[in-house]
C-alpha atoms as a PDB file:
ATOM      1  CA  GLU A   1      -5.213  12.007   5.547  1.00  0.00           C
ATOM      2  CA  ILE A   2      -1.454  12.694   6.325  1.00  0.00           C
ATOM      3  CA  ALA A   3       1.640  10.547   6.362  1.00  0.00           C
ATOM      4  CA  TRP A   4       4.932  12.007   7.786  1.00  0.00           C
ATOM      5  CA  ALA A   5       8.354  11.329   6.457  1.00  0.00           C
ATOM      6  CA  SER A   6      11.372  10.089   8.338  1.00  0.00           C
ATOM      7  CA  ASP A   7      13.217  13.760   9.003  1.00  0.00           C
ATOM      8  CA  ASN A   8       9.805  14.393  11.267  1.00  0.00           C
ATOM      9  CA  LYS A   9       9.622  17.976   9.260  1.00  0.00           C
ATOM     10  CA  THR A  10       7.978  16.685   5.992  1.00  0.00           C
ATOM     11  CA  VAL A  11       4.502  16.000   5.768  1.00  0.00           C
ATOM     12  CA  PHE A  12       2.172  14.414   3.349  1.00  0.00           C
ATOM     13  CA  TYR A  13      -1.181  15.153   2.718  1.00  0.00           C
ATOM     14  CA  ILE A  14      -4.006  14.661   0.491  1.00  0.00           C
ATOM     15  CA  LEU A  15      -6.559  17.183  -0.808  1.00  0.00           C
ATOM     16  CA  GLN A  16     -10.124  16.616  -2.535  1.00  0.00           C
ATOM     17  CA  ASP A  17     -11.959  18.236  -5.497  1.00  0.00           C
ATOM     18  CA  ASP A  18     -15.335  19.871  -5.377  1.00  0.00           C
ATOM     19  CA  ALA A  19     -17.096  16.480  -5.441  1.00  0.00           C
ATOM     20  CA  LEU A  20     -14.879  15.055  -2.074  1.00  0.00           C
ATOM     21  CA  ARG A  21     -12.919  13.132  -4.308  1.00  0.00           C
ATOM     22  CA  SER A  22      -9.015  13.088  -2.632  1.00  0.00           C
ATOM     23  CA  TYR A  23      -7.330  13.535  -5.878  1.00  0.00           C
ATOM     24  CA  ARG A  24      -3.815  15.444  -4.851  1.00  0.00           C
ATOM     25  CA  LEU A  25      -1.221  14.236  -2.909  1.00  0.00           C
ATOM     26  CA  MET A  26       0.930  17.307  -1.243  1.00  0.00           C
ATOM     27  CA  ARG A  27       4.127  17.704   0.530  1.00  0.00           C
ATOM     28  CA  HIS A  28       4.704  20.342   2.671  1.00  0.00           C
ATOM     29  CA  ALA A  29       8.085  21.058   4.881  1.00  0.00           C
ATOM     30  CA  LEU A  30       7.284  22.818   8.497  1.00  0.00           C
ATOM     31  CA  GLY A  31       8.065  26.149   8.753  1.00  0.00           C
ATOM     32  CA  THR A  32       7.491  27.033   5.100  1.00  0.00           C
ATOM     33  CA  ASP A  33       4.755  28.950   3.937  1.00  0.00           C
ATOM     34  CA  PRO A  34       1.658  26.380   2.970  1.00  0.00           C
ATOM     35  CA  ALA A  35       1.114  28.647  -0.400  1.00  0.00           C
ATOM     36  CA  ARG A  36       4.768  26.865  -1.406  1.00  0.00           C
ATOM     37  CA  ASP A  37       3.941  23.301  -0.752  1.00  0.00           C
ATOM     38  CA  ALA A  38       4.516  20.906  -3.301  1.00  0.00           C
ATOM     39  CA  LEU A  39       2.519  19.077  -5.689  1.00  0.00           C
ATOM     40  CA  VAL A  40       3.225  15.589  -5.535  1.00  0.00           C
ATOM     41  CA  TYR A  41       0.788  13.443  -7.591  1.00  0.00           C
ATOM     42  CA  GLU A  42      -2.321  14.161  -9.228  1.00  0.00           C
ATOM     43  CA  GLU A  43      -4.866  11.725 -10.276  1.00  0.00           C
ATOM     44  CA  ALA A  44      -6.753  12.990 -12.995  1.00  0.00           C
ATOM     45  CA  ASP A  45      -9.245  10.091 -13.674  1.00  0.00           C
ATOM     46  CA  GLU A  46     -12.632  11.057 -11.378  1.00  0.00           C
ATOM     47  CA  LEU A  47     -12.953   7.293 -11.262  1.00  0.00           C
ATOM     48  CA  TYR A  48      -9.977   6.973  -9.041  1.00  0.00           C
ATOM     49  CA  SER A  49      -9.361   8.360  -5.635  1.00  0.00           C
ATOM     50  CA  MET A  50      -6.458   8.466  -3.195  1.00  0.00           C
ATOM     51  CA  GLY A  51      -5.006   7.827   0.394  1.00  0.00           C
ATOM     52  CA  ILE A  52      -1.788   8.037   1.877  1.00  0.00           C
ATOM     53  CA  ASP A  53      -0.450   6.161   4.759  1.00  0.00           C
ATOM     54  CA  ARG A  54       2.856   5.323   6.056  1.00  0.00           C
ATOM     55  CA  SER A  55       4.036   1.300   6.319  1.00  0.00           C
ATOM     56  CA  ASP A  56       4.218  -0.375   9.466  1.00  0.00           C
ATOM     57  CA  SER A  57       8.270  -0.325   9.122  1.00  0.00           C
ATOM     58  CA  GLY A  58       8.105   2.972   8.909  1.00  0.00           C
ATOM     59  CA  LYS A  59      10.387   3.039   5.842  1.00  0.00           C
ATOM     60  CA  PHE A  60       7.889   3.661   3.484  1.00  0.00           C
ATOM     61  CA  ILE A  61       4.927   6.448   1.755  1.00  0.00           C
ATOM     62  CA  PHE A  62       2.621   4.395   0.665  1.00  0.00           C
ATOM     63  CA  LEU A  63       0.064   6.151  -2.069  1.00  0.00           C
ATOM     64  CA  GLY A  64      -2.787   4.247  -2.595  1.00  0.00           C
ATOM     65  CA  ILE A  65      -5.241   4.942  -5.939  1.00  0.00           C
ATOM     66  CA  GLY A  66      -8.235   3.400  -6.182  1.00  0.00           C
ATOM     67  CA  SER A  67     -11.375   2.655  -7.989  1.00  0.00           C
ATOM     68  CA  LYS A  68     -14.090   0.458  -6.345  1.00  0.00           C
ATOM     69  CA  THR A  69     -12.564  -2.832  -8.531  1.00  0.00           C
ATOM     70  CA  THR A  70      -8.956  -1.697  -9.585  1.00  0.00           C
ATOM     71  CA  SER A  71      -6.432   0.066  -7.162  1.00  0.00           C
ATOM     72  CA  GLU A  72      -2.408   1.037  -8.290  1.00  0.00           C
ATOM     73  CA  TYR A  73       0.068   1.648  -5.415  1.00  0.00           C
ATOM     74  CA  ARG A  74       3.267   4.174  -5.568  1.00  0.00           C
ATOM     75  CA  VAL A  75       6.022   4.538  -3.040  1.00  0.00           C
ATOM     76  CA  ILE A  76       7.827   7.376  -1.488  1.00  0.00           C
ATOM     77  CA  PRO A  77      10.676   6.063   0.536  1.00  0.00           C
ATOM     78  CA  ALA A  78      10.410   7.869   4.288  1.00  0.00           C
ATOM     79  CA  ASP A  79      13.867   8.800   4.389  1.00  0.00           C
ATOM     80  CA  ARG A  80      13.766  10.903   0.952  1.00  0.00           C
ATOM     81  CA  PRO A  81      10.430  12.753   0.790  1.00  0.00           C
ATOM     82  CA  GLU A  82      11.515  14.701  -2.193  1.00  0.00           C
ATOM     83  CA  ALA A  83      11.807  11.782  -4.298  1.00  0.00           C
ATOM     84  CA  GLU A  84       9.127  11.290  -6.542  1.00  0.00           C
ATOM     85  CA  PRO A  85       6.805   8.171  -5.561  1.00  0.00           C
ATOM     86  CA  THR A  86       7.832   5.240  -8.379  1.00  0.00           C
ATOM     87  CA  VAL A  87       4.555   2.858  -9.421  1.00  0.00           C
ATOM     88  CA  LEU A  88       5.057  -0.176  -7.221  1.00  0.00           C
ATOM     89  CA  PHE A  89       1.983  -1.924  -8.758  1.00  0.00           C
ATOM     90  CA  ALA A  90       0.586  -0.194 -11.502  1.00  0.00           C
ATOM     91  CA  ARG A  91      -3.227  -0.166 -12.219  1.00  0.00           C
ATOM     92  CA  GLU A  92      -4.751  -3.371 -14.268  1.00  0.00           C
ATOM     93  CA  LYS A  93      -8.364  -3.333 -14.738  1.00  0.00           C
ATOM     94  CA  GLY A  94     -10.177  -5.472 -12.285  1.00  0.00           C
ATOM     95  CA  ILE A  95      -7.189  -6.360 -10.157  1.00  0.00           C
ATOM     96  CA  GLU A  96      -6.871  -4.648  -6.394  1.00  0.00           C
ATOM     97  CA  TYR A  97      -3.850  -4.643  -4.016  1.00  0.00           C
ATOM     98  CA  GLY A  98      -3.126  -3.817  -0.190  1.00  0.00           C
ATOM     99  CA  VAL A  99       0.379  -4.090   0.502  1.00  0.00           C
ATOM    100  CA  ASP A 100       2.880  -3.415   3.397  1.00  0.00           C
ATOM    101  CA  HIS A 101       6.330  -3.683   3.813  1.00  0.00           C
ATOM    102  CA  GLN A 102       8.703  -5.796   6.421  1.00  0.00           C
ATOM    103  CA  GLY A 103      12.660  -6.219   6.396  1.00  0.00           C
ATOM    104  CA  ASP A 104      13.522  -6.695   2.510  1.00  0.00           C
ATOM    105  CA  PHE A 105       9.820  -7.299   1.236  1.00  0.00           C
ATOM    106  CA  PHE A 106       6.592  -5.929   0.454  1.00  0.00           C
ATOM    107  CA  TYR A 107       3.660  -7.760   1.348  1.00  0.00           C
ATOM    108  CA  ILE A 108       0.891  -7.935  -1.410  1.00  0.00           C
ATOM    109  CA  LEU A 109      -2.575  -8.630  -0.817  1.00  0.00           C
ATOM    110  CA  THR A 110      -4.132  -9.271  -4.420  1.00  0.00           C
ATOM    111  CA  ASN A 111      -6.918 -10.499  -6.101  1.00  0.00           C
ATOM    112  CA  GLU A 112      -5.099 -11.086  -9.408  1.00  0.00           C
ATOM    113  CA  ASN A 113      -5.884 -14.834 -10.580  1.00  0.00           C
ATOM    114  CA  ALA A 114      -7.218 -15.321  -6.829  1.00  0.00           C
ATOM    115  CA  LYS A 115     -10.890 -14.322  -6.643  1.00  0.00           C
ATOM    116  CA  ASN A 116     -10.726 -14.588  -3.193  1.00  0.00           C
ATOM    117  CA  PHE A 117      -7.028 -12.911  -2.722  1.00  0.00           C
ATOM    118  CA  LYS A 118      -3.853 -14.739  -2.168  1.00  0.00           C
ATOM    119  CA  LEU A 119      -0.667 -13.188   0.001  1.00  0.00           C
ATOM    120  CA  LEU A 120       2.319 -12.599  -1.962  1.00  0.00           C
ATOM    121  CA  ARG A 121       5.978 -11.280  -1.250  1.00  0.00           C
ATOM    122  CA  ALA A 122       8.148  -9.189  -3.418  1.00  0.00           C
ATOM    123  CA  PRO A 123      11.920  -7.950  -2.529  1.00  0.00           C
ATOM    124  CA  VAL A 124      12.561  -4.237  -1.894  1.00  0.00           C
ATOM    125  CA  ALA A 125      15.177  -4.091  -4.440  1.00  0.00           C
ATOM    126  CA  ASP A 126      13.055  -5.284  -7.425  1.00  0.00           C
ATOM    127  CA  PRO A 127       9.878  -5.940  -6.990  1.00  0.00           C
ATOM    128  CA  ALA A 128       8.761  -6.844  -9.946  1.00  0.00           C
ATOM    129  CA  LYS A 129       5.883  -9.196 -10.655  1.00  0.00           C
ATOM    130  CA  THR A 130       8.822 -11.760 -12.051  1.00  0.00           C
ATOM    131  CA  ASN A 131      10.006 -11.423  -8.371  1.00  0.00           C
ATOM    132  CA  TRP A 132       6.870 -12.134  -6.705  1.00  0.00           C
ATOM    133  CA  THR A 133       6.801 -15.268  -4.255  1.00  0.00           C
ATOM    134  CA  GLU A 134       3.184 -16.900  -2.725  1.00  0.00           C
ATOM    135  CA  VAL A 135       3.064 -17.030   0.983  1.00  0.00           C
ATOM    136  CA  ILE A 136      -0.271 -17.922   0.559  1.00  0.00           C
ATOM    137  CA  ALA A 137      -2.040 -19.581  -1.792  1.00  0.00           C
ATOM    138  CA  HIS A 138      -5.338 -18.866  -3.269  1.00  0.00           C
ATOM    139  CA  ASP A 139      -8.231 -20.844  -1.597  1.00  0.00           C
ATOM    140  CA  PRO A 140     -11.543 -21.109  -3.059  1.00  0.00           C
ATOM    141  CA  ALA A 141     -12.810 -21.537   0.537  1.00  0.00           C
ATOM    142  CA  THR A 142     -10.813 -18.911   2.329  1.00  0.00           C
ATOM    143  CA  HIS A 143     -11.445 -15.263   1.739  1.00  0.00           C
ATOM    144  CA  LEU A 144      -7.929 -13.279   2.989  1.00  0.00           C
ATOM    145  CA  THR A 145      -9.844  -9.606   4.205  1.00  0.00           C
ATOM    146  CA  GLY A 146      -6.318  -8.038   5.317  1.00  0.00           C
ATOM    147  CA  PHE A 147      -2.996  -8.711   6.980  1.00  0.00           C
ATOM    148  CA  ASP A 148      -0.474  -6.931   9.458  1.00  0.00           C
ATOM    149  CA  VAL A 149       3.184  -6.914   9.313  1.00  0.00           C
ATOM    150  CA  PHE A 150       5.111  -6.992  12.844  1.00  0.00           C
ATOM    151  CA  GLN A 151       8.915  -7.584  13.364  1.00  0.00           C
ATOM    152  CA  HIS A 152       9.028 -11.398  12.398  1.00  0.00           C
ATOM    153  CA  HIS A 153       4.934 -12.129  11.700  1.00  0.00           C
ATOM    154  CA  LEU A 154       2.280 -11.436   9.413  1.00  0.00           C
ATOM    155  CA  VAL A 155      -1.436 -11.614  11.149  1.00  0.00           C
ATOM    156  CA  VAL A 156      -3.933 -12.388   8.173  1.00  0.00           C
ATOM    157  CA  ASN A 157      -7.713 -11.615   8.990  1.00  0.00           C
ATOM    158  CA  GLN A 158      -9.634 -14.509   6.785  1.00  0.00           C
ATOM    159  CA  ARG A 159     -12.980 -15.527   6.420  1.00  0.00           C
ATOM    160  CA  THR A 160     -13.580 -19.447   6.186  1.00  0.00           C
ATOM    161  CA  ASN A 161     -16.920 -21.058   6.392  1.00  0.00           C
ATOM    162  CA  GLY A 162     -18.238 -18.082   7.149  1.00  0.00           C
ATOM    163  CA  GLN A 163     -16.186 -17.742  10.023  1.00  0.00           C
ATOM    164  CA  GLN A 164     -14.011 -14.849  10.990  1.00  0.00           C
ATOM    165  CA  ARG A 165     -10.283 -16.230  11.772  1.00  0.00           C
ATOM    166  CA  ILE A 166      -6.759 -14.933  12.164  1.00  0.00           C
ATOM    167  CA  ARG A 167      -3.561 -16.843  11.080  1.00  0.00           C
ATOM    168  CA  VAL A 168      -0.270 -15.797  12.326  1.00  0.00           C
ATOM    169  CA  LEU A 169       2.925 -16.494   9.980  1.00  0.00           C
ATOM    170  CA  ASP A 170       6.732 -16.289  11.403  1.00  0.00           C
ATOM    171  CA  THR A 171       8.219 -14.945   8.647  1.00  0.00           C
ATOM    172  CA  ARG A 172      11.399 -16.345   9.520  1.00  0.00           C
ATOM    173  CA  ASP A 173      10.074 -19.799   9.039  1.00  0.00           C
ATOM    174  CA  GLY A 174       7.033 -19.847   7.409  1.00  0.00           C
ATOM    175  CA  GLN A 175       5.864 -21.488  10.465  1.00  0.00           C
END
């Protein structure tokens, strides 16, 4: 997996160990010797592997670290590829997250206190849990399975009564 920084010369990539577990995040600058690539993060716990992605907005590089039932996210501003990844959502046993970015907010899909998941948002300036607000509440009859962000909308995939549905939300007015 790879993700490009905003400078169009820095690329992040993932290395695998002998068991094919993704465990190292590396940073390479075009035109430099690959032997000098920087180790950005290494996951020591063999139960966890990682993935790298750039936010749909292009503003952030997300490092997702997860096991079968637990996840963690670290973030690097795409315009500052030399920055250390900071923990966005720390791992807590049994808690899963999905994240993306739009405008001034991170959008978070989580099963924390929500078996079928709920959708929250947190300000980029201070994404601490105390600042999270609910966008779509947990519903025991509806499983939220994913979401995508666009300039002024969220598209949420959900399963209700066994049927796949798509919900479109206008982030300007909540409709």
